[in-house]
C-alpha atoms as a PDB file:
ATOM      1  CA  MET A   1     -13.797 -24.859  82.701  1.00  0.00           C
ATOM      2  CA  MET A   2     -13.032 -22.156  85.205  1.00  0.00           C
ATOM      3  CA  ASP A   3      -9.482 -21.632  86.423  1.00  0.00           C
ATOM      4  CA  PRO A   4      -8.434 -24.117  89.109  1.00  0.00           C
ATOM      5  CA  ALA A   5      -8.233 -21.320  91.704  1.00  0.00           C
ATOM      6  CA  THR A   6     -11.890 -20.312  91.338  1.00  0.00           C
ATOM      7  CA  PRO A   7     -14.753 -21.957  93.206  1.00  0.00           C
ATOM      8  CA  ALA A   8     -16.291 -24.956  91.519  1.00  0.00           C
ATOM      9  CA  THR A   9     -19.173 -23.878  89.325  1.00  0.00           C
ATOM     10  CA  PRO A  10     -20.741 -25.424  86.233  1.00  0.00           C
ATOM     11  CA  ALA A  11     -18.203 -25.176  83.452  1.00  0.00           C
ATOM     12  CA  ALA A  12     -18.928 -22.696  80.690  1.00  0.00           C
ATOM     13  CA  PRO A  13     -17.467 -24.084  77.466  1.00  0.00           C
ATOM     14  CA  ASP A  14     -15.604 -21.735  75.209  1.00  0.00           C
ATOM     15  CA  ALA A  15     -16.935 -20.761  71.807  1.00  0.00           C
ATOM     16  CA  SER A  16     -15.181 -23.632  70.088  1.00  0.00           C
ATOM     17  CA  ALA A  17     -16.785 -26.111  72.459  1.00  0.00           C
ATOM     18  CA  ALA A  18     -20.216 -24.573  72.135  1.00  0.00           C
ATOM     19  CA  ALA A  19     -20.123 -24.098  68.400  1.00  0.00           C
ATOM     20  CA  PRO A  20     -21.371 -26.756  66.021  1.00  0.00           C
ATOM     21  CA  ALA A  21     -18.804 -29.019  64.385  1.00  0.00           C
ATOM     22  CA  ALA A  22     -19.073 -26.974  61.193  1.00  0.00           C
ATOM     23  CA  ASP A  23     -17.599 -23.984  63.044  1.00  0.00           C
ATOM     24  CA  ARG A  24     -14.474 -25.877  64.095  1.00  0.00           C
ATOM     25  CA  ARG A  25     -11.527 -25.882  61.726  1.00  0.00           C
ATOM     26  CA  PRO A  26     -11.168 -29.370  60.168  1.00  0.00           C
ATOM     27  CA  ILE A  27      -7.651 -30.639  60.941  1.00  0.00           C
ATOM     28  CA  ALA A  28      -6.703 -34.184  60.002  1.00  0.00           C
ATOM     29  CA  THR A  29      -3.828 -34.198  62.512  1.00  0.00           C
ATOM     30  CA  ARG A  30      -6.391 -33.926  65.305  1.00  0.00           C
ATOM     31  CA  GLN A  31      -6.899 -37.689  64.944  1.00  0.00           C
ATOM     32  CA  ALA A  32      -3.178 -38.498  65.145  1.00  0.00           C
ATOM     33  CA  ARG A  33      -2.242 -40.650  68.111  1.00  0.00           C
ATOM     34  CA  TRP A  34       0.553 -38.328  69.263  1.00  0.00           C
ATOM     35  CA  ALA A  35      -1.769 -35.320  69.191  1.00  0.00           C
ATOM     36  CA  ARG A  36      -4.483 -37.066  71.151  1.00  0.00           C
ATOM     37  CA  ARG A  37      -2.027 -38.303  73.751  1.00  0.00           C
ATOM     38  CA  LEU A  38      -0.379 -34.915  74.151  1.00  0.00           C
ATOM     39  CA  ALA A  39      -3.735 -33.162  74.415  1.00  0.00           C
ATOM     40  CA  ALA A  40      -4.932 -35.724  76.958  1.00  0.00           C
ATOM     41  CA  TRP A  41      -1.807 -35.163  79.044  1.00  0.00           C
ATOM     42  CA  LEU A  42      -2.118 -31.381  78.865  1.00  0.00           C
ATOM     43  CA  SER A  43      -5.720 -31.710  79.992  1.00  0.00           C
ATOM     44  CA  THR A  44      -4.464 -33.211  83.270  1.00  0.00           C
ATOM     45  CA  THR A  45      -2.116 -30.278  83.935  1.00  0.00           C
ATOM     46  CA  PRO A  46      -2.872 -26.700  85.066  1.00  0.00           C
ATOM     47  CA  VAL A  47      -2.152 -25.526  81.503  1.00  0.00           C
ATOM     48  CA  THR A  48      -5.197 -23.855  79.934  1.00  0.00           C
ATOM     49  CA  PRO A  49      -6.158 -23.660  76.254  1.00  0.00           C
ATOM     50  CA  ASN A  50      -5.810 -19.887  76.404  1.00  0.00           C
ATOM     51  CA  GLN A  51      -2.220 -20.201  77.609  1.00  0.00           C
ATOM     52  CA  ILE A  52      -1.450 -22.558  74.741  1.00  0.00           C
ATOM     53  CA  SER A  53      -2.882 -19.980  72.322  1.00  0.00           C
ATOM     54  CA  VAL A  54      -0.578 -17.314  73.765  1.00  0.00           C
ATOM     55  CA  VAL A  55       2.432 -19.629  73.443  1.00  0.00           C
ATOM     56  CA  SER A  56       1.664 -19.903  69.723  1.00  0.00           C
ATOM     57  CA  VAL A  57       2.307 -16.155  69.431  1.00  0.00           C
ATOM     58  CA  VAL A  58       5.609 -16.571  71.278  1.00  0.00           C
ATOM     59  CA  TRP A  59       6.738 -19.173  68.748  1.00  0.00           C
ATOM     60  CA  ALA A  60       5.631 -16.903  65.915  1.00  0.00           C
ATOM     61  CA  ALA A  61       7.581 -13.968  67.345  1.00  0.00           C
ATOM     62  CA  ILE A  62      10.713 -16.105  67.658  1.00  0.00           C
ATOM     63  CA  GLY A  63      10.215 -17.457  64.153  1.00  0.00           C
ATOM     64  CA  GLY A  64       9.686 -13.987  62.707  1.00  0.00           C
ATOM     65  CA  ALA A  65      12.858 -12.747  64.371  1.00  0.00           C
ATOM     66  CA  LEU A  66      14.833 -15.702  62.972  1.00  0.00           C
ATOM     67  CA  LEU A  67      13.351 -15.139  59.518  1.00  0.00           C
ATOM     68  CA  LEU A  68      14.387 -11.507  59.596  1.00  0.00           C
ATOM     69  CA  HIS A  69      17.868 -12.305  60.960  1.00  0.00           C
ATOM     70  CA  GLY A  70      18.531 -14.647  58.054  1.00  0.00           C
ATOM     71  CA  GLY A  71      21.023 -17.416  57.532  1.00  0.00           C
ATOM     72  CA  ILE A  72      20.697 -21.131  56.966  1.00  0.00           C
ATOM     73  CA  ALA A  73      20.289 -22.075  60.640  1.00  0.00           C
ATOM     74  CA  ALA A  74      17.919 -19.161  61.276  1.00  0.00           C
ATOM     75  CA  TRP A  75      15.629 -20.064  58.378  1.00  0.00           C
ATOM     76  CA  ILE A  76      15.501 -23.718  59.415  1.00  0.00           C
ATOM     77  CA  GLY A  77      14.735 -22.570  62.955  1.00  0.00           C
ATOM     78  CA  ALA A  78      11.992 -20.291  61.651  1.00  0.00           C
ATOM     79  CA  ALA A  79      10.438 -23.217  59.760  1.00  0.00           C
ATOM     80  CA  LEU A  80      10.433 -25.197  63.008  1.00  0.00           C
ATOM     81  CA  CYS A  81       8.738 -22.279  64.760  1.00  0.00           C
ATOM     82  CA  VAL A  82       6.007 -22.274  62.109  1.00  0.00           C
ATOM     83  CA  GLN A  83       5.261 -25.908  62.915  1.00  0.00           C
ATOM     84  CA  LEU A  84       5.364 -25.308  66.669  1.00  0.00           C
ATOM     85  CA  ARG A  85       2.874 -22.473  66.194  1.00  0.00           C
ATOM     86  CA  LEU A  86       0.564 -24.860  64.314  1.00  0.00           C
ATOM     87  CA  ILE A  87       0.925 -27.519  67.007  1.00  0.00           C
ATOM     88  CA  CYS A  88      -0.181 -24.954  69.589  1.00  0.00           C
ATOM     89  CA  ASN A  89      -3.135 -24.068  67.358  1.00  0.00           C
ATOM     90  CA  LEU A  90      -4.018 -27.751  67.234  1.00  0.00           C
ATOM     91  CA  LEU A  91      -3.663 -28.438  70.944  1.00  0.00           C
ATOM     92  CA  ASP A  92      -5.493 -25.392  72.305  1.00  0.00           C
ATOM     93  CA  GLY A  93      -8.727 -26.501  70.651  1.00  0.00           C
ATOM     94  CA  MET A  94      -8.260 -30.146  71.615  1.00  0.00           C
ATOM     95  CA  VAL A  95      -7.611 -29.288  75.251  1.00  0.00           C
ATOM     96  CA  ALA A  96     -10.606 -26.928  75.249  1.00  0.00           C
ATOM     97  CA  VAL A  97     -13.063 -29.308  73.567  1.00  0.00           C
ATOM     98  CA  GLU A  98     -11.917 -32.888  74.101  1.00  0.00           C
ATOM     99  CA  GLY A  99     -10.278 -31.988  77.424  1.00  0.00           C
ATOM    100  CA  GLY A 100     -13.281 -29.990  78.637  1.00  0.00           C
ATOM    101  CA  LYS A 101     -11.174 -26.987  79.700  1.00  0.00           C
ATOM    102  CA  GLY A 102     -12.902 -24.258  77.708  1.00  0.00           C
ATOM    103  CA  SER A 103     -13.540 -20.795  79.133  1.00  0.00           C
ATOM    104  CA  ARG A 104     -15.964 -17.955  78.504  1.00  0.00           C
ATOM    105  CA  VAL A 105     -13.212 -15.934  76.789  1.00  0.00           C
ATOM    106  CA  GLY A 106     -12.037 -18.875  74.705  1.00  0.00           C
ATOM    107  CA  ALA A 107     -13.417 -17.354  71.514  1.00  0.00           C
ATOM    108  CA  LEU A 108     -11.120 -14.360  71.905  1.00  0.00           C
ATOM    109  CA  TYR A 109      -8.055 -16.530  72.478  1.00  0.00           C
ATOM    110  CA  ASN A 110      -9.079 -18.716  69.562  1.00  0.00           C
ATOM    111  CA  GLU A 111      -8.917 -15.822  67.099  1.00  0.00           C
ATOM    112  CA  ILE A 112      -6.802 -12.877  68.290  1.00  0.00           C
ATOM    113  CA  PRO A 113      -3.499 -14.740  68.903  1.00  0.00           C
ATOM    114  CA  ASP A 114      -3.759 -16.197  65.398  1.00  0.00           C
ATOM    115  CA  ARG A 115      -3.843 -12.714  63.892  1.00  0.00           C
ATOM    116  CA  PHE A 116      -0.744 -11.689  65.845  1.00  0.00           C
ATOM    117  CA  ALA A 117       1.025 -14.919  64.879  1.00  0.00           C
ATOM    118  CA  ASP A 118       0.327 -14.465  61.163  1.00  0.00           C
ATOM    119  CA  THR A 119       1.599 -10.888  61.349  1.00  0.00           C
ATOM    120  CA  ALA A 120       4.714 -11.909  63.281  1.00  0.00           C
ATOM    121  CA  PHE A 121       5.687 -14.236  60.437  1.00  0.00           C
ATOM    122  CA  LEU A 122       4.541 -12.347  57.355  1.00  0.00           C
ATOM    123  CA  VAL A 123       5.728  -8.808  58.092  1.00  0.00           C
ATOM    124  CA  PRO A 124       9.352  -9.943  58.632  1.00  0.00           C
ATOM    125  CA  LEU A 125       9.054 -11.935  55.399  1.00  0.00           C
ATOM    126  CA  GLY A 126       8.613  -8.689  53.476  1.00  0.00           C
ATOM    127  CA  TYR A 127      11.572  -7.016  55.178  1.00  0.00           C
ATOM    128  CA  ALA A 128      13.725 -10.100  54.580  1.00  0.00           C
ATOM    129  CA  VAL A 129      13.296  -9.754  50.809  1.00  0.00           C
ATOM    130  CA  GLY A 130      13.659  -5.973  50.783  1.00  0.00           C
ATOM    131  CA  LEU A 131       9.949  -5.319  50.117  1.00  0.00           C
ATOM    132  CA  PRO A 132       8.399  -4.286  53.444  1.00  0.00           C
ATOM    133  CA  TRP A 133       5.083  -3.454  51.782  1.00  0.00           C
ATOM    134  CA  LEU A 134       4.790  -7.044  50.542  1.00  0.00           C
ATOM    135  CA  GLY A 135       5.013  -8.406  54.074  1.00  0.00           C
ATOM    136  CA  TRP A 136       2.452  -5.935  55.394  1.00  0.00           C
ATOM    137  CA  ALA A 137       0.136  -6.617  52.450  1.00  0.00           C
ATOM    138  CA  ALA A 138       0.400 -10.381  52.976  1.00  0.00           C
ATOM    139  CA  ALA A 139      -0.369  -9.960  56.690  1.00  0.00           C
ATOM    140  CA  LEU A 140      -3.396  -7.779  55.937  1.00  0.00           C
ATOM    141  CA  ALA A 141      -4.632 -10.231  53.301  1.00  0.00           C
ATOM    142  CA  ALA A 142      -4.276 -13.108  55.774  1.00  0.00           C
ATOM    143  CA  MET A 143      -6.259 -11.082  58.310  1.00  0.00           C
ATOM    144  CA  LEU A 144      -8.912 -10.455  55.673  1.00  0.00           C
ATOM    145  CA  THR A 145      -9.446 -14.180  55.150  1.00  0.00           C
ATOM    146  CA  ALA A 146     -10.131 -14.572  58.872  1.00  0.00           C
ATOM    147  CA  TYR A 147     -12.406 -11.523  58.919  1.00  0.00           C
ATOM    148  CA  VAL A 148     -14.556 -12.890  56.105  1.00  0.00           C
ATOM    149  CA  ARG A 149     -14.745 -16.307  57.772  1.00  0.00           C
ATOM    150  CA  VAL A 150     -15.811 -14.907  61.147  1.00  0.00           C
ATOM    151  CA  PHE A 151     -18.206 -12.447  59.510  1.00  0.00           C
ATOM    152  CA  GLY A 152     -19.957 -15.351  57.843  1.00  0.00           C
ATOM    153  CA  GLY A 153     -20.339 -16.929  61.265  1.00  0.00           C
ATOM    154  CA  ALA A 154     -21.744 -13.660  62.634  1.00  0.00           C
ATOM    155  CA  LEU A 155     -24.413 -13.836  59.931  1.00  0.00           C
ATOM    156  CA  GLY A 156     -25.478 -17.217  61.263  1.00  0.00           C
ATOM    157  CA  LEU A 157     -23.688 -19.302  58.642  1.00  0.00           C
ATOM    158  CA  ALA A 158     -21.210 -22.097  59.202  1.00  0.00           C
ATOM    159  CA  GLN A 159     -17.717 -20.639  59.104  1.00  0.00           C
ATOM    160  CA  ASP A 160     -15.845 -21.384  55.884  1.00  0.00           C
ATOM    161  CA  PHE A 161     -12.319 -22.634  56.633  1.00  0.00           C
ATOM    162  CA  GLY A 162     -11.600 -23.496  53.010  1.00  0.00           C
ATOM    163  CA  GLY A 163      -9.724 -21.660  50.305  1.00  0.00           C
ATOM    164  CA  VAL A 164      -6.439 -21.955  48.475  1.00  0.00           C
ATOM    165  CA  MET A 165      -4.569 -20.077  51.212  1.00  0.00           C
ATOM    166  CA  ALA A 166      -6.293 -20.851  54.502  1.00  0.00           C
ATOM    167  CA  LYS A 167      -4.100 -20.736  57.613  1.00  0.00           C
ATOM    168  CA  GLN A 168      -2.648 -24.252  57.341  1.00  0.00           C
ATOM    169  CA  ARG A 169      -1.800 -23.684  53.683  1.00  0.00           C
ATOM    170  CA  ARG A 170      -0.229 -20.282  54.383  1.00  0.00           C
ATOM    171  CA  MET A 171       1.969 -21.828  57.009  1.00  0.00           C
ATOM    172  CA  ALA A 172       2.770 -24.824  54.790  1.00  0.00           C
ATOM    173  CA  ALA A 173       3.839 -22.457  52.006  1.00  0.00           C
ATOM    174  CA  LEU A 174       5.982 -20.493  54.437  1.00  0.00           C
ATOM    175  CA  THR A 175       7.589 -23.640  55.853  1.00  0.00           C
ATOM    176  CA  VAL A 176       8.493 -24.938  52.396  1.00  0.00           C
ATOM    177  CA  ALA A 177       9.831 -21.519  51.401  1.00  0.00           C
ATOM    178  CA  LEU A 178      12.007 -21.256  54.508  1.00  0.00           C
ATOM    179  CA  LEU A 179      13.558 -24.681  53.961  1.00  0.00           C
ATOM    180  CA  ALA A 180      14.011 -23.943  50.258  1.00  0.00           C
ATOM    181  CA  GLN A 181      15.561 -20.606  51.184  1.00  0.00           C
ATOM    182  CA  ALA A 182      18.120 -22.304  53.400  1.00  0.00           C
ATOM    183  CA  ALA A 183      19.190 -24.495  50.470  1.00  0.00           C
ATOM    184  CA  GLU A 184      19.057 -21.580  48.014  1.00  0.00           C
ATOM    185  CA  HIS A 185      21.238 -19.437  50.259  1.00  0.00           C
ATOM    186  CA  ALA A 186      23.840 -22.208  50.535  1.00  0.00           C
ATOM    187  CA  LEU A 187      23.929 -22.658  46.762  1.00  0.00           C
ATOM    188  CA  TRP A 188      23.488 -19.176  45.315  1.00  0.00           C
ATOM    189  CA  GLY A 189      23.110 -16.651  48.137  1.00  0.00           C
ATOM    190  CA  THR A 190      19.797 -15.322  46.747  1.00  0.00           C
ATOM    191  CA  ARG A 191      16.353 -14.999  48.355  1.00  0.00           C
ATOM    192  CA  PHE A 192      13.921 -15.882  45.587  1.00  0.00           C
ATOM    193  CA  SER A 193      12.238 -18.597  47.675  1.00  0.00           C
ATOM    194  CA  LEU A 194      11.121 -16.093  50.301  1.00  0.00           C
ATOM    195  CA  LEU A 195      10.118 -13.578  47.643  1.00  0.00           C
ATOM    196  CA  ALA A 196       7.982 -16.169  45.873  1.00  0.00           C
ATOM    197  CA  ALA A 197       6.362 -17.155  49.175  1.00  0.00           C
ATOM    198  CA  GLY A 198       5.406 -13.547  49.859  1.00  0.00           C
ATOM    199  CA  TRP A 199       3.675 -13.192  46.510  1.00  0.00           C
ATOM    200  CA  VAL A 200       1.996 -16.615  46.719  1.00  0.00           C
ATOM    201  CA  ILE A 201       0.650 -15.926  50.215  1.00  0.00           C
ATOM    202  CA  LEU A 202      -0.568 -12.450  49.254  1.00  0.00           C
ATOM    203  CA  ALA A 203      -2.301 -13.569  46.052  1.00  0.00           C
ATOM    204  CA  GLY A 204      -3.647 -16.768  47.591  1.00  0.00           C
ATOM    205  CA  SER A 205      -5.024 -14.960  50.637  1.00  0.00           C
ATOM    206  CA  LEU A 206      -6.805 -12.392  48.479  1.00  0.00           C
ATOM    207  CA  LEU A 207      -8.275 -15.202  46.382  1.00  0.00           C
ATOM    208  CA  THR A 208      -9.344 -17.045  49.533  1.00  0.00           C
ATOM    209  CA  ALA A 209     -11.084 -13.944  50.883  1.00  0.00           C
ATOM    210  CA  ALA A 210     -12.856 -13.501  47.553  1.00  0.00           C
ATOM    211  CA  THR A 211     -14.047 -17.108  47.318  1.00  0.00           C
ATOM    212  CA  ARG A 212     -15.231 -17.094  50.929  1.00  0.00           C
ATOM    213  CA  THR A 213     -17.131 -13.860  50.321  1.00  0.00           C
ATOM    214  CA  ALA A 214     -18.739 -15.339  47.222  1.00  0.00           C
ATOM    215  CA  GLY A 215     -19.686 -18.421  49.227  1.00  0.00           C
ATOM    216  CA  ILE A 216     -21.338 -16.289  51.908  1.00  0.00           C
ATOM    217  CA  ALA A 217     -23.316 -14.376  49.275  1.00  0.00           C
ATOM    218  CA  ARG A 218     -24.408 -17.635  47.642  1.00  0.00           C
ATOM    219  CA  ARG A 219     -25.585 -19.148  50.915  1.00  0.00           C
ATOM    220  CA  LEU A 220     -27.457 -15.979  51.880  1.00  0.00           C
ATOM    221  CA  ASP A 221     -29.187 -16.005  48.508  1.00  0.00           C
ATOM    222  CA  ASN A 222     -30.130 -19.656  49.013  1.00  0.00           C
ATOM    223  CA  GLN A 223     -31.530 -18.838  52.439  1.00  0.00           C
ATOM    224  CA  GLY A 224     -33.638 -16.101  50.856  1.00  0.00           C
ATOM    225  CA  LEU A 225     -34.980 -18.521  48.258  1.00  0.00           C
ATOM    226  CA  ASP A 226     -35.766 -21.077  50.955  1.00  0.00           C
ATOM    227  CA  ASN A 227     -37.615 -18.453  53.015  1.00  0.00           C
ATOM    228  CA  GLN A 228     -39.620 -17.394  49.958  1.00  0.00           C
ATOM    229  CA  GLY A 229     -40.583 -21.003  49.382  1.00  0.00           C
ATOM    230  CA  LEU A 230     -41.743 -21.410  52.976  1.00  0.00           C
ATOM    231  CA  GLU A 231     -43.791 -18.202  52.746  1.00  0.00           C
ATOM    232  CA  ALA A 232     -45.386 -19.389  49.509  1.00  0.00           C
ATOM    233  CA  ARG A 233     -46.448 -22.666  51.138  1.00  0.00           C
ATOM    234  CA  SER A 234     -47.770 -21.052  54.327  1.00  0.00           C
END
């Protein structure tokens, strides 16, 4: 709905509220009792979904800085920041849709902060392992997966949130790698866990973009066949 300070007018739901269910990322945690209670509470406060989306970038920036700084405590802290970023990503949509606090610019806040957050984590990952290009490549590949997904939606198709390295899986891989890195550093002082995560995220994101693109092409072809069938029967 509109900001509390504006005159009361009919609420204009954000894109996530207006979109069909197929265009909303499926998240099992959305049904968790703690998530529903927290979202319900936030819906009663002046906090907006767009503000929650911006906070996710703040957590990502802190996490990226900790990742780059290095050290057992820093890597554990960075893993926590990854999860806090994901919680923000969960709650902004719940507050917008279930809480009825969407806005006309909600679609922008639903997508753009995510791209900054991915970059804030993945670019420092490359520098942390001494391969800056790997971090930049992983960030670009992650952005490509989102581009393909949204492009499919722009073509009138349901957005495809699947793939071996969709956002939740990228962040899960990074979380595991950060915790493994903390243990690895204590035992051997090496950084193979972070290096492996960089390569896995890069390769998985490229594969995800490819499979989503193939899925879009397949659905467009099917639409063409369906249209030909309708024309033949008319």
